Amino acid sequence: MALIHCPECGKEVSDSALKCPSCGQQIRKPKRTLFGKVVKWIFIIFNIFMIYCLFAGAGGSGEVIDAATTEAERAGATIGAGIGVMLLGGIWVIGDIIIGMIVFLTRPKA
């Protein structure tokens, strides 16, 4: 454990310290753990995947609605597409809350 000088007050501080004990100047930034990094990337990939699902589902439902021959089929396809979008949105919100809380709990601490 080496000693370094604080850039703010000039006093000697341990190189493993995050802040200077004298003046409170931040010496080095806390880093996220490996598990925290993995969870953060899972959160990002989950959101990208949900955006893809939203656009893919909207495109697919548009084709089904256009292919419907009668008004009843068209109404059913429209209602089904609406239910699908609501279900997808619900999964997205619940997933973001759960994964987001884990990301929050694994953040670097000072």
C-alpha atoms as a PDB file:
ATOM      1  CA  MET A   1       0.000   0.000   0.000  1.00  0.00           C
ATOM      2  CA  ALA A   2       1.721   3.125  -1.251  1.00  0.00           C
ATOM      3  CA  LEU A   3       1.044   6.697  -0.283  1.00  0.00           C
ATOM      4  CA  ILE A   4       0.171   9.365  -2.830  1.00  0.00           C
ATOM      5  CA  HIS A   5      -0.395  13.096  -2.463  1.00  0.00           C
ATOM      6  CA  CYS A   6      -3.916  14.511  -2.623  1.00  0.00           C
ATOM      7  CA  PRO A   7      -4.214  16.846  -5.643  1.00  0.00           C
ATOM      8  CA  GLU A   8      -6.383  19.255  -3.614  1.00  0.00           C
ATOM      9  CA  CYS A   9      -4.714  19.609  -0.211  1.00  0.00           C
ATOM     10  CA  GLY A  10      -1.360  17.877  -0.815  1.00  0.00           C
ATOM     11  CA  LYS A  11      -1.570  15.549   2.207  1.00  0.00           C
ATOM     12  CA  GLU A  12      -0.487  11.926   1.933  1.00  0.00           C
ATOM     13  CA  VAL A  13      -3.298   9.481   1.209  1.00  0.00           C
ATOM     14  CA  SER A  14      -3.349   5.732   0.648  1.00  0.00           C
ATOM     15  CA  ASP A  15      -3.460   4.813  -3.050  1.00  0.00           C
ATOM     16  CA  SER A  16      -6.394   2.485  -2.308  1.00  0.00           C
ATOM     17  CA  ALA A  17      -8.506   5.304  -0.803  1.00  0.00           C
ATOM     18  CA  LEU A  18     -11.421   6.614  -2.839  1.00  0.00           C
ATOM     19  CA  LYS A  19     -11.463  10.044  -1.145  1.00  0.00           C
ATOM     20  CA  CYS A  20      -8.969  12.134   0.754  1.00  0.00           C
ATOM     21  CA  PRO A  21      -9.754  11.852   4.490  1.00  0.00           C
ATOM     22  CA  SER A  22      -8.672  15.470   5.059  1.00  0.00           C
ATOM     23  CA  CYS A  23     -10.508  17.439   2.386  1.00  0.00           C
ATOM     24  CA  GLY A  24     -12.885  14.876   0.839  1.00  0.00           C
ATOM     25  CA  GLN A  25     -11.472  15.255  -2.691  1.00  0.00           C
ATOM     26  CA  GLN A  26     -12.200  12.202  -4.838  1.00  0.00           C
ATOM     27  CA  ILE A  27      -8.900  10.404  -5.510  1.00  0.00           C
ATOM     28  CA  ARG A  28     -10.176   7.589  -7.713  1.00  0.00           C
ATOM     29  CA  LYS A  29     -13.562   6.586  -9.033  1.00  0.00           C
ATOM     30  CA  PRO A  30     -15.235   3.463  -7.601  1.00  0.00           C
ATOM     31  CA  LYS A  31     -15.641   0.680 -10.159  1.00  0.00           C
ATOM     32  CA  ARG A  32     -18.549  -1.667 -10.780  1.00  0.00           C
ATOM     33  CA  THR A  33     -17.910  -5.349  -9.985  1.00  0.00           C
ATOM     34  CA  LEU A  34     -17.922  -8.032 -12.694  1.00  0.00           C
ATOM     35  CA  PHE A  35     -21.412  -9.138 -11.644  1.00  0.00           C
ATOM     36  CA  GLY A  36     -22.571  -5.513 -11.789  1.00  0.00           C
ATOM     37  CA  LYS A  37     -21.160  -5.119 -15.309  1.00  0.00           C
ATOM     38  CA  VAL A  38     -22.882  -8.315 -16.471  1.00  0.00           C
ATOM     39  CA  VAL A  39     -26.225  -7.198 -15.013  1.00  0.00           C
ATOM     40  CA  LYS A  40     -25.860  -3.760 -16.616  1.00  0.00           C
ATOM     41  CA  TRP A  41     -25.256  -5.353 -20.038  1.00  0.00           C
ATOM     42  CA  ILE A  42     -28.212  -7.702 -19.534  1.00  0.00           C
ATOM     43  CA  PHE A  43     -30.352  -4.616 -18.862  1.00  0.00           C
ATOM     44  CA  ILE A  44     -29.133  -2.922 -22.059  1.00  0.00           C
ATOM     45  CA  ILE A  45     -29.572  -6.059 -24.197  1.00  0.00           C
ATOM     46  CA  PHE A  46     -33.051  -6.669 -22.735  1.00  0.00           C
ATOM     47  CA  ASN A  47     -34.159  -3.169 -23.746  1.00  0.00           C
ATOM     48  CA  ILE A  48     -32.737  -3.540 -27.267  1.00  0.00           C
ATOM     49  CA  PHE A  49     -34.501  -6.912 -27.590  1.00  0.00           C
ATOM     50  CA  MET A  50     -37.812  -5.446 -26.425  1.00  0.00           C
ATOM     51  CA  ILE A  51     -37.542  -2.589 -28.943  1.00  0.00           C
ATOM     52  CA  TYR A  52     -36.906  -5.174 -31.677  1.00  0.00           C
ATOM     53  CA  CYS A  53     -39.923  -7.234 -30.530  1.00  0.00           C
ATOM     54  CA  LEU A  54     -42.119  -4.146 -30.546  1.00  0.00           C
ATOM     55  CA  PHE A  55     -41.234  -3.252 -34.141  1.00  0.00           C
ATOM     56  CA  ALA A  56     -41.332  -6.871 -35.352  1.00  0.00           C
ATOM     57  CA  GLY A  57     -44.723  -7.404 -33.734  1.00  0.00           C
ATOM     58  CA  ALA A  58     -46.127  -4.182 -35.162  1.00  0.00           C
ATOM     59  CA  GLY A  59     -44.952  -5.126 -38.653  1.00  0.00           C
ATOM     60  CA  GLY A  60     -46.328  -8.646 -38.388  1.00  0.00           C
ATOM     61  CA  SER A  61     -49.690  -7.524 -37.050  1.00  0.00           C
ATOM     62  CA  GLY A  62     -50.014  -4.980 -39.857  1.00  0.00           C
ATOM     63  CA  GLU A  63     -49.640  -7.756 -42.417  1.00  0.00           C
ATOM     64  CA  VAL A  64     -52.261  -9.904 -40.650  1.00  0.00           C
ATOM     65  CA  ILE A  65     -54.733  -7.019 -40.472  1.00  0.00           C
ATOM     66  CA  ASP A  66     -54.234  -6.232 -44.164  1.00  0.00           C
ATOM     67  CA  ALA A  67     -54.703  -9.901 -45.127  1.00  0.00           C
ATOM     68  CA  ALA A  68     -58.037 -10.173 -43.287  1.00  0.00           C
ATOM     69  CA  THR A  69     -60.929 -10.524 -45.735  1.00  0.00           C
ATOM     70  CA  THR A  70     -63.975  -9.685 -43.643  1.00  0.00           C
ATOM     71  CA  GLU A  71     -64.643  -6.888 -41.186  1.00  0.00           C
ATOM     72  CA  ALA A  72     -64.937  -9.421 -38.345  1.00  0.00           C
ATOM     73  CA  GLU A  73     -61.481 -10.834 -39.117  1.00  0.00           C
ATOM     74  CA  ARG A  74     -60.041  -7.338 -39.359  1.00  0.00           C
ATOM     75  CA  ALA A  75     -61.617  -6.338 -36.022  1.00  0.00           C
ATOM     76  CA  GLY A  76     -60.338  -9.523 -34.364  1.00  0.00           C
ATOM     77  CA  ALA A  77     -56.832  -8.993 -35.731  1.00  0.00           C
ATOM     78  CA  THR A  78     -56.843  -5.386 -34.522  1.00  0.00           C
ATOM     79  CA  ILE A  79     -57.999  -6.379 -31.038  1.00  0.00           C
ATOM     80  CA  GLY A  80     -55.431  -9.194 -30.931  1.00  0.00           C
ATOM     81  CA  ALA A  81     -52.666  -6.811 -31.979  1.00  0.00           C
ATOM     82  CA  GLY A  82     -53.705  -4.372 -29.251  1.00  0.00           C
ATOM     83  CA  ILE A  83     -53.674  -7.102 -26.622  1.00  0.00           C
ATOM     84  CA  GLY A  84     -50.269  -8.266 -27.864  1.00  0.00           C
ATOM     85  CA  VAL A  85     -48.802  -4.768 -27.640  1.00  0.00           C
ATOM     86  CA  MET A  86     -50.196  -4.327 -24.116  1.00  0.00           C
ATOM     87  CA  LEU A  87     -48.761  -7.693 -23.057  1.00  0.00           C
ATOM     88  CA  LEU A  88     -45.384  -6.845 -24.570  1.00  0.00           C
ATOM     89  CA  GLY A  89     -45.422  -3.453 -22.837  1.00  0.00           C
ATOM     90  CA  GLY A  90     -46.253  -5.099 -19.521  1.00  0.00           C
ATOM     91  CA  ILE A  91     -43.411  -7.595 -19.877  1.00  0.00           C
ATOM     92  CA  TRP A  92     -41.091  -4.728 -20.794  1.00  0.00           C
ATOM     93  CA  VAL A  93     -42.047  -2.635 -17.751  1.00  0.00           C
ATOM     94  CA  ILE A  94     -41.877  -5.540 -15.291  1.00  0.00           C
ATOM     95  CA  GLY A  95     -38.561  -6.739 -16.745  1.00  0.00           C
ATOM     96  CA  ASP A  96     -37.092  -3.239 -16.599  1.00  0.00           C
ATOM     97  CA  ILE A  97     -38.171  -2.793 -12.986  1.00  0.00           C
ATOM     98  CA  ILE A  98     -36.657  -6.113 -11.901  1.00  0.00           C
ATOM     99  CA  ILE A  99     -33.408  -5.833 -13.859  1.00  0.00           C
ATOM    100  CA  GLY A 100     -33.169  -2.096 -13.114  1.00  0.00           C
ATOM    101  CA  MET A 101     -33.355  -2.737  -9.370  1.00  0.00           C
ATOM    102  CA  ILE A 102     -30.546  -5.292  -9.661  1.00  0.00           C
ATOM    103  CA  VAL A 103     -28.481  -2.784 -11.685  1.00  0.00           C
ATOM    104  CA  PHE A 104     -29.153  -0.172  -8.999  1.00  0.00           C
ATOM    105  CA  LEU A 105     -28.137  -2.528  -6.189  1.00  0.00           C
ATOM    106  CA  THR A 106     -24.884  -3.518  -7.954  1.00  0.00           C
ATOM    107  CA  ARG A 107     -23.744   0.057  -8.662  1.00  0.00           C
ATOM    108  CA  PRO A 108     -20.290   1.092  -7.470  1.00  0.00           C
ATOM    109  CA  LYS A 109     -20.353   2.434  -3.942  1.00  0.00           C
ATOM    110  CA  ALA A 110     -18.071   5.171  -2.660  1.00  0.00           C
END
